[in-house]
Protein backbone atom coordinates (compact mmCIF):
# COMPACT_ATOMS: atom_id res chain seq x y z
CA MET A 1 -9.23 -146.52 -27.96
CA ALA A 2 -6.92 -144.10 -27.14
CA VAL A 3 -6.06 -144.81 -24.23
CA ARG A 4 -4.63 -147.68 -25.49
CA ARG A 5 -2.39 -145.72 -28.14
CA ALA A 6 -1.09 -143.22 -25.19
CA ALA A 7 -0.38 -146.33 -23.22
CA CYS A 8 2.00 -147.34 -26.60
CA ARG A 9 3.08 -143.53 -27.22
CA ALA A 10 4.43 -144.45 -23.85
CA SER A 11 6.03 -147.68 -23.64
CA LEU A 12 8.39 -146.65 -27.18
CA ALA A 13 9.86 -143.64 -25.11
CA ALA A 14 13.45 -143.53 -24.58
CA PRO A 15 13.84 -145.16 -20.82
CA SER A 16 15.39 -142.31 -18.37
CA ARG A 17 19.19 -142.60 -17.73
CA GLY A 18 20.13 -141.53 -13.91
CA PRO A 19 22.84 -139.44 -12.73
CA THR A 20 26.07 -140.59 -13.99
CA LEU A 21 29.74 -140.53 -11.69
CA ARG A 22 31.80 -138.89 -14.03
CA ALA A 23 34.52 -137.27 -12.80
CA PRO A 24 34.16 -133.26 -13.78
CA LYS A 25 35.96 -132.36 -16.78
CA VAL A 26 39.21 -130.03 -16.09
CA HIS A 27 41.00 -127.11 -18.03
CA PRO A 28 44.81 -128.86 -19.21
CA ALA A 29 46.39 -126.12 -17.75
CA THR A 30 44.69 -124.76 -15.03
CA GLY A 31 43.20 -128.34 -13.34
CA MET A 32 40.27 -125.91 -12.77
CA ALA A 33 36.81 -128.66 -12.82
CA LEU A 34 34.36 -127.03 -15.40
CA SER A 35 30.95 -127.41 -15.25
CA LYS A 36 29.03 -128.56 -17.99
CA ALA A 37 26.00 -127.06 -16.46
CA ARG A 38 26.89 -123.52 -17.13
CA GLY A 39 28.58 -124.44 -20.75
CA GLN A 40 32.25 -124.52 -20.24
CA HIS A 41 34.19 -124.96 -22.84
CA ILE A 42 37.71 -123.25 -22.40
CA ILE A 43 39.76 -122.14 -25.10
CA HIS A 44 43.32 -123.21 -25.23
CA ASN A 45 43.96 -123.82 -28.97
CA GLN A 46 45.93 -121.28 -29.62
CA GLY A 47 45.09 -121.28 -33.59
CA VAL A 48 40.86 -121.06 -33.05
CA LEU A 49 42.10 -117.77 -30.99
CA GLN A 50 44.07 -116.25 -33.81
CA LYS A 51 41.17 -117.62 -36.17
CA MET A 52 38.92 -115.55 -33.36
CA LEU A 53 40.90 -112.83 -33.67
CA GLU A 54 41.29 -112.84 -37.14
CA ALA A 55 37.27 -112.96 -37.97
CA SER A 56 36.25 -110.66 -35.55
CA ASP A 57 38.22 -108.23 -37.58
CA ILE A 58 39.14 -105.75 -34.03
CA ARG A 59 40.33 -101.97 -34.14
CA SER A 60 42.64 -100.23 -32.15
CA ALA A 61 39.69 -97.85 -31.47
CA ASP A 62 37.55 -100.70 -30.63
CA ALA A 63 36.16 -101.16 -27.36
CA VAL A 64 35.60 -105.13 -26.24
CA TYR A 65 33.09 -106.42 -23.99
CA GLU A 66 34.16 -110.38 -23.31
CA VAL A 67 31.13 -112.67 -21.62
CA GLY A 68 32.71 -115.41 -19.92
CA CYS A 69 36.38 -114.50 -19.70
CA GLY A 70 37.30 -117.98 -18.51
CA THR A 71 41.02 -118.43 -17.66
CA GLY A 72 42.12 -115.01 -20.33
CA GLU A 73 42.87 -116.79 -22.83
CA LEU A 74 41.21 -115.41 -25.29
CA THR A 75 41.49 -111.23 -22.88
CA MET A 76 45.40 -111.78 -23.45
CA ARG A 77 45.31 -111.63 -26.70
CA LEU A 78 42.60 -108.87 -26.87
CA LEU A 79 44.95 -106.43 -24.61
CA PRO A 80 47.43 -105.57 -27.37
CA VAL A 81 44.52 -105.74 -30.47
CA ALA A 82 41.76 -103.41 -28.62
CA ARG A 83 41.41 -99.82 -26.89
CA LYS A 84 39.92 -101.51 -24.09
CA VAL A 85 38.69 -104.72 -23.28
CA TYR A 86 36.01 -105.09 -20.54
CA THR A 87 35.49 -108.94 -19.19
CA VAL A 88 32.67 -110.86 -17.07
CA ASP A 89 31.99 -114.30 -15.31
CA VAL A 90 29.66 -115.49 -13.86
CA GLU A 91 32.17 -117.50 -11.63
CA LYS A 92 34.46 -115.80 -9.53
CA ARG A 93 37.49 -118.65 -9.60
CA MET A 94 37.29 -117.11 -13.23
CA VAL A 95 37.77 -113.77 -12.80
CA HIS A 96 40.32 -114.56 -10.34
CA GLU A 97 42.39 -116.80 -13.14
CA THR A 98 41.93 -113.94 -15.34
CA GLN A 99 43.57 -111.18 -12.78
CA GLN A 100 46.46 -113.25 -12.23
CA ARG A 101 47.42 -113.00 -15.70
């Protein structure tokens, strides 16, 4: 009986899906392809950036460490507010994009 139950449970599992052949999402302003595997979500909504800055309560004496600088949208907003801003990203193309700004 135990073998039969296990077989029934396996047959009820969701079917596995093969890889999809979709084009990667791209950043609207730069056209850079985004990696879903790395969880890249580039923030370009100015209202969201403003709310993030207000919620963080950063003062002029604060040093900020930004992980995942992306295209530098948040970085550019942090620079006039914080004493020092340190950024890091695993992708050289994102670091290069931020440095260009």
